[in-house]
């Protein structure tokens, strides 16, 4: 499983594949690369391109 975490640059939210985004229907275990193109940050509404890989 691709368990890399990604950070929303505008607000600092961390997308963690182990947790997913249940409020948006994203199941735990979903890698960032498999999120739907229209998925947005659950905190600030930023788009996927506003996220960067966490080192």
PDB file of N, CA and C in Angstrom:
ATOM      1  N   UNK A   1       0.838  -1.197   0.000  1.00  0.00           N
ATOM      2  CA  UNK A   1       0.000   0.000   0.000  1.00  0.00           C
ATOM      3  C   UNK A   1       0.878   1.254   0.000  1.00  0.00           C
ATOM      4  N   UNK A   2       0.477   2.244  -0.750  1.00  0.00           N
ATOM      5  CA  UNK A   2       1.169   3.537  -0.778  1.00  0.00           C
ATOM      6  C   UNK A   2       0.684   4.332   0.429  1.00  0.00           C
ATOM      7  N   UNK A   3       1.519   4.424   1.455  1.00  0.00           N
ATOM      8  CA  UNK A   3       1.098   5.084   2.691  1.00  0.00           C
ATOM      9  C   UNK A   3       1.722   6.464   2.888  1.00  0.00           C
ATOM     10  N   UNK A   4       2.146   7.075   1.777  1.00  0.00           N
ATOM     11  CA  UNK A   4       2.733   8.413   1.886  1.00  0.00           C
ATOM     12  C   UNK A   4       1.667   9.428   2.286  1.00  0.00           C
ATOM     13  N   UNK A   5       2.043  10.358   3.148  1.00  0.00           N
ATOM     14  CA  UNK A   5       1.130  11.401   3.626  1.00  0.00           C
ATOM     15  C   UNK A   5       1.363  12.672   2.812  1.00  0.00           C
ATOM     16  N   UNK A   6       0.301  13.437   2.634  1.00  0.00           N
ATOM     17  CA  UNK A   6       0.364  14.691   1.895  1.00  0.00           C
ATOM     18  C   UNK A   6      -0.226  15.814   2.740  1.00  0.00           C
ATOM     19  N   UNK A   7       0.417  16.995   2.665  1.00  0.00           N
ATOM     20  CA  UNK A   7       0.006  18.146   3.463  1.00  0.00           C
ATOM     21  C   UNK A   7      -0.619  19.220   2.587  1.00  0.00           C
ATOM     22  N   UNK A   8      -1.750  19.737   3.034  1.00  0.00           N
ATOM     23  CA  UNK A   8      -2.407  20.864   2.368  1.00  0.00           C
ATOM     24  C   UNK A   8      -1.590  22.118   2.671  1.00  0.00           C
ATOM     25  N   UNK A   9      -1.070  22.750   1.629  1.00  0.00           N
ATOM     26  CA  UNK A   9      -0.218  23.916   1.825  1.00  0.00           C
ATOM     27  C   UNK A   9      -0.968  25.120   2.401  1.00  0.00           C
ATOM     28  N   UNK A  10      -2.222  25.387   2.003  1.00  0.00           N
ATOM     29  CA  UNK A  10      -2.920  26.534   2.582  1.00  0.00           C
ATOM     30  C   UNK A  10      -3.224  26.397   4.077  1.00  0.00           C
ATOM     31  N   UNK A  11      -3.583  25.177   4.562  1.00  0.00           N
ATOM     32  CA  UNK A  11      -4.046  25.094   5.952  1.00  0.00           C
ATOM     33  C   UNK A  11      -3.280  24.115   6.834  1.00  0.00           C
ATOM     34  N   UNK A  12      -2.449  23.245   6.248  1.00  0.00           N
ATOM     35  CA  UNK A  12      -1.660  22.326   7.048  1.00  0.00           C
ATOM     36  C   UNK A  12      -2.311  20.979   7.326  1.00  0.00           C
ATOM     37  N   UNK A  13      -3.514  20.745   6.800  1.00  0.00           N
ATOM     38  CA  UNK A  13      -4.171  19.436   6.978  1.00  0.00           C
ATOM     39  C   UNK A  13      -3.300  18.349   6.361  1.00  0.00           C
ATOM     40  N   UNK A  14      -3.175  17.225   7.051  1.00  0.00           N
ATOM     41  CA  UNK A  14      -2.400  16.091   6.553  1.00  0.00           C
ATOM     42  C   UNK A  14      -3.359  14.998   6.110  1.00  0.00           C
ATOM     43  N   UNK A  15      -3.267  14.622   4.822  1.00  0.00           N
ATOM     44  CA  UNK A  15      -4.031  13.466   4.360  1.00  0.00           C
ATOM     45  C   UNK A  15      -3.213  12.230   4.659  1.00  0.00           C
ATOM     46  N   UNK A  16      -3.772  11.344   5.488  1.00  0.00           N
ATOM     47  CA  UNK A  16      -3.116  10.100   5.875  1.00  0.00           C
ATOM     48  C   UNK A  16      -3.908   8.942   5.282  1.00  0.00           C
ATOM     49  N   UNK A  17      -3.314   8.195   4.343  1.00  0.00           N
ATOM     50  CA  UNK A  17      -4.036   7.087   3.715  1.00  0.00           C
ATOM     51  C   UNK A  17      -4.548   6.053   4.710  1.00  0.00           C
ATOM     52  N   UNK A  18      -3.861   5.880   5.833  1.00  0.00           N
ATOM     53  CA  UNK A  18      -4.298   4.912   6.829  1.00  0.00           C
ATOM     54  C   UNK A  18      -5.644   5.306   7.434  1.00  0.00           C
ATOM     55  N   UNK A  19      -5.940   6.602   7.424  1.00  0.00           N
ATOM     56  CA  UNK A  19      -7.189   7.120   7.983  1.00  0.00           C
ATOM     57  C   UNK A  19      -8.210   7.377   6.885  1.00  0.00           C
ATOM     58  N   UNK A  20      -7.748   7.826   5.720  1.00  0.00           N
ATOM     59  CA  UNK A  20      -8.661   8.218   4.649  1.00  0.00           C
ATOM     60  C   UNK A  20      -9.361   9.523   4.996  1.00  0.00           C
ATOM     61  N   UNK A  21     -10.543   9.712   4.447  1.00  0.00           N
ATOM     62  CA  UNK A  21     -11.371  10.887   4.736  1.00  0.00           C
ATOM     63  C   UNK A  21     -12.825  10.407   4.802  1.00  0.00           C
ATOM     64  N   UNK A  22     -13.176   9.705   5.899  1.00  0.00           N
ATOM     65  CA  UNK A  22     -14.496   9.094   6.003  1.00  0.00           C
ATOM     66  C   UNK A  22     -15.658  10.064   5.785  1.00  0.00           C
ATOM     67  N   UNK A  23     -15.502  11.303   6.206  1.00  0.00           N
ATOM     68  CA  UNK A  23     -16.580  12.290   6.038  1.00  0.00           C
ATOM     69  C   UNK A  23     -16.858  12.579   4.566  1.00  0.00           C
ATOM     70  N   UNK A  24     -15.866  12.320   3.711  1.00  0.00           N
ATOM     71  CA  UNK A  24     -16.028  12.531   2.269  1.00  0.00           C
ATOM     72  C   UNK A  24     -16.202  11.208   1.515  1.00  0.00           C
ATOM     73  N   UNK A  25     -16.374  10.122   2.272  1.00  0.00           N
ATOM     74  CA  UNK A  25     -16.565   8.821   1.638  1.00  0.00           C
ATOM     75  C   UNK A  25     -15.290   8.141   1.182  1.00  0.00           C
ATOM     76  N   UNK A  26     -14.136   8.614   1.665  1.00  0.00           N
ATOM     77  CA  UNK A  26     -12.849   8.020   1.294  1.00  0.00           C
ATOM     78  C   UNK A  26     -12.461   7.014   2.380  1.00  0.00           C
ATOM     79  N   UNK A  27     -12.394   5.753   2.001  1.00  0.00           N
ATOM     80  CA  UNK A  27     -12.127   4.684   2.955  1.00  0.00           C
ATOM     81  C   UNK A  27     -10.666   4.669   3.392  1.00  0.00           C
ATOM     82  N   UNK A  28     -10.411   4.230   4.640  1.00  0.00           N
ATOM     83  CA  UNK A  28      -9.024   4.029   5.073  1.00  0.00           C
ATOM     84  C   UNK A  28      -8.314   3.083   4.106  1.00  0.00           C
ATOM     85  N   UNK A  29      -7.044   3.355   3.858  1.00  0.00           N
ATOM     86  CA  UNK A  29      -6.264   2.552   2.931  1.00  0.00           C
ATOM     87  C   UNK A  29      -6.235   3.122   1.523  1.00  0.00           C
ATOM     88  N   UNK A  30      -6.906   4.261   1.297  1.00  0.00           N
ATOM     89  CA  UNK A  30      -6.929   4.882  -0.028  1.00  0.00           C
ATOM     90  C   UNK A  30      -5.713   5.785  -0.202  1.00  0.00           C
ATOM     91  N   UNK A  31      -4.794   5.437  -1.123  1.00  0.00           N
ATOM     92  CA  UNK A  31      -3.632   6.302  -1.357  1.00  0.00           C
ATOM     93  C   UNK A  31      -4.055   7.652  -1.942  1.00  0.00           C
ATOM     94  N   UNK A  32      -3.249   8.663  -1.699  1.00  0.00           N
ATOM     95  CA  UNK A  32      -3.543  10.005  -2.213  1.00  0.00           C
ATOM     96  C   UNK A  32      -3.737   9.986  -3.721  1.00  0.00           C
ATOM     97  N   UNK A  33      -2.933   9.180  -4.409  1.00  0.00           N
ATOM     98  CA  UNK A  33      -3.001   9.122  -5.872  1.00  0.00           C
ATOM     99  C   UNK A  33      -4.337   8.579  -6.383  1.00  0.00           C
ATOM    100  N   UNK A  34      -5.070   7.883  -5.534  1.00  0.00           N
ATOM    101  CA  UNK A  34      -6.348   7.313  -5.938  1.00  0.00           C
ATOM    102  C   UNK A  34      -7.561   8.133  -5.501  1.00  0.00           C
ATOM    103  N   UNK A  35      -7.304   9.280  -4.883  1.00  0.00           N
ATOM    104  CA  UNK A  35      -8.421  10.159  -4.516  1.00  0.00           C
ATOM    105  C   UNK A  35      -9.073  10.682  -5.794  1.00  0.00           C
ATOM    106  N   UNK A  36     -10.392  10.877  -5.774  1.00  0.00           N
ATOM    107  CA  UNK A  36     -11.051  11.419  -6.970  1.00  0.00           C
ATOM    108  C   UNK A  36     -10.498  12.802  -7.326  1.00  0.00           C
ATOM    109  N   UNK A  37     -10.525  13.133  -8.609  1.00  0.00           N
ATOM    110  CA  UNK A  37      -9.995  14.426  -9.055  1.00  0.00           C
ATOM    111  C   UNK A  37     -10.725  15.601  -8.419  1.00  0.00           C
ATOM    112  N   UNK A  38     -11.993  15.390  -8.032  1.00  0.00           N
ATOM    113  CA  UNK A  38     -12.770  16.497  -7.456  1.00  0.00           C
ATOM    114  C   UNK A  38     -12.709  16.525  -5.924  1.00  0.00           C
ATOM    115  N   UNK A  39     -11.865  15.676  -5.330  1.00  0.00           N
ATOM    116  CA  UNK A  39     -11.701  15.687  -3.870  1.00  0.00           C
ATOM    117  C   UNK A  39     -11.030  16.990  -3.462  1.00  0.00           C
ATOM    118  N   UNK A  40     -11.481  17.558  -2.333  1.00  0.00           N
ATOM    119  CA  UNK A  40     -10.882  18.788  -1.806  1.00  0.00           C
ATOM    120  C   UNK A  40     -10.546  18.589  -0.335  1.00  0.00           C
ATOM    121  N   UNK A  41      -9.677  19.432   0.168  1.00  0.00           N
ATOM    122  CA  UNK A  41      -9.301  19.406   1.577  1.00  0.00           C
ATOM    123  C   UNK A  41     -10.554  19.552   2.438  1.00  0.00           C
ATOM    124  N   UNK A  42     -10.739  18.657   3.413  1.00  0.00           N
ATOM    125  CA  UNK A  42     -11.931  18.742   4.250  1.00  0.00           C
ATOM    126  C   UNK A  42     -11.937  19.941   5.196  1.00  0.00           C
ATOM    127  N   UNK A  43     -10.780  20.573   5.391  1.00  0.00           N
ATOM    128  CA  UNK A  43     -10.731  21.724   6.278  1.00  0.00           C
ATOM    129  C   UNK A  43     -10.904  23.055   5.565  1.00  0.00           C
ATOM    130  N   UNK A  44     -10.231  23.211   4.407  1.00  0.00           N
ATOM    131  CA  UNK A  44     -10.251  24.534   3.760  1.00  0.00           C
ATOM    132  C   UNK A  44     -10.760  24.519   2.326  1.00  0.00           C
ATOM    133  N   UNK A  45     -10.997  23.325   1.758  1.00  0.00           N
ATOM    134  CA  UNK A  45     -11.532  23.256   0.399  1.00  0.00           C
ATOM    135  C   UNK A  45     -10.497  23.382  -0.702  1.00  0.00           C
ATOM    136  N   UNK A  46      -9.203  23.315  -0.340  1.00  0.00           N
ATOM    137  CA  UNK A  46      -8.148  23.404  -1.364  1.00  0.00           C
ATOM    138  C   UNK A  46      -8.179  22.158  -2.250  1.00  0.00           C
ATOM    139  N   UNK A  47      -7.699  22.302  -3.476  1.00  0.00           N
ATOM    140  CA  UNK A  47      -7.684  21.202  -4.437  1.00  0.00           C
ATOM    141  C   UNK A  47      -6.463  20.310  -4.235  1.00  0.00           C
ATOM    142  N   UNK A  48      -6.486  19.117  -4.845  1.00  0.00           N
ATOM    143  CA  UNK A  48      -5.397  18.156  -4.698  1.00  0.00           C
ATOM    144  C   UNK A  48      -4.047  18.759  -5.086  1.00  0.00           C
ATOM    145  N   UNK A  49      -4.037  19.629  -6.091  1.00  0.00           N
ATOM    146  CA  UNK A  49      -2.742  20.194  -6.522  1.00  0.00           C
ATOM    147  C   UNK A  49      -2.135  21.126  -5.480  1.00  0.00           C
ATOM    148  N   UNK A  50      -2.902  21.470  -4.427  1.00  0.00           N
ATOM    149  CA  UNK A  50      -2.385  22.311  -3.356  1.00  0.00           C
ATOM    150  C   UNK A  50      -1.744  21.500  -2.243  1.00  0.00           C
ATOM    151  N   UNK A  51      -1.633  20.166  -2.441  1.00  0.00           N
ATOM    152  CA  UNK A  51      -1.022  19.296  -1.456  1.00  0.00           C
ATOM    153  C   UNK A  51       0.388  18.930  -1.885  1.00  0.00           C
ATOM    154  N   UNK A  52       1.270  18.761  -0.899  1.00  0.00           N
ATOM    155  CA  UNK A  52       2.639  18.348  -1.174  1.00  0.00           C
ATOM    156  C   UNK A  52       2.991  17.154  -0.296  1.00  0.00           C
ATOM    157  N   UNK A  53       3.855  16.306  -0.808  1.00  0.00           N
ATOM    158  CA  UNK A  53       4.310  15.126  -0.088  1.00  0.00           C
ATOM    159  C   UNK A  53       5.012  15.525   1.202  1.00  0.00           C
ATOM    160  N   UNK A  54       4.666  14.830   2.288  1.00  0.00           N
ATOM    161  CA  UNK A  54       5.330  15.047   3.568  1.00  0.00           C
ATOM    162  C   UNK A  54       6.569  14.164   3.588  1.00  0.00           C
ATOM    163  N   UNK A  55       7.731  14.751   3.879  1.00  0.00           N
ATOM    164  CA  UNK A  55       8.982  13.985   3.912  1.00  0.00           C
ATOM    165  C   UNK A  55       9.074  13.114   5.140  1.00  0.00           C
TER     166      UNK A  55
END
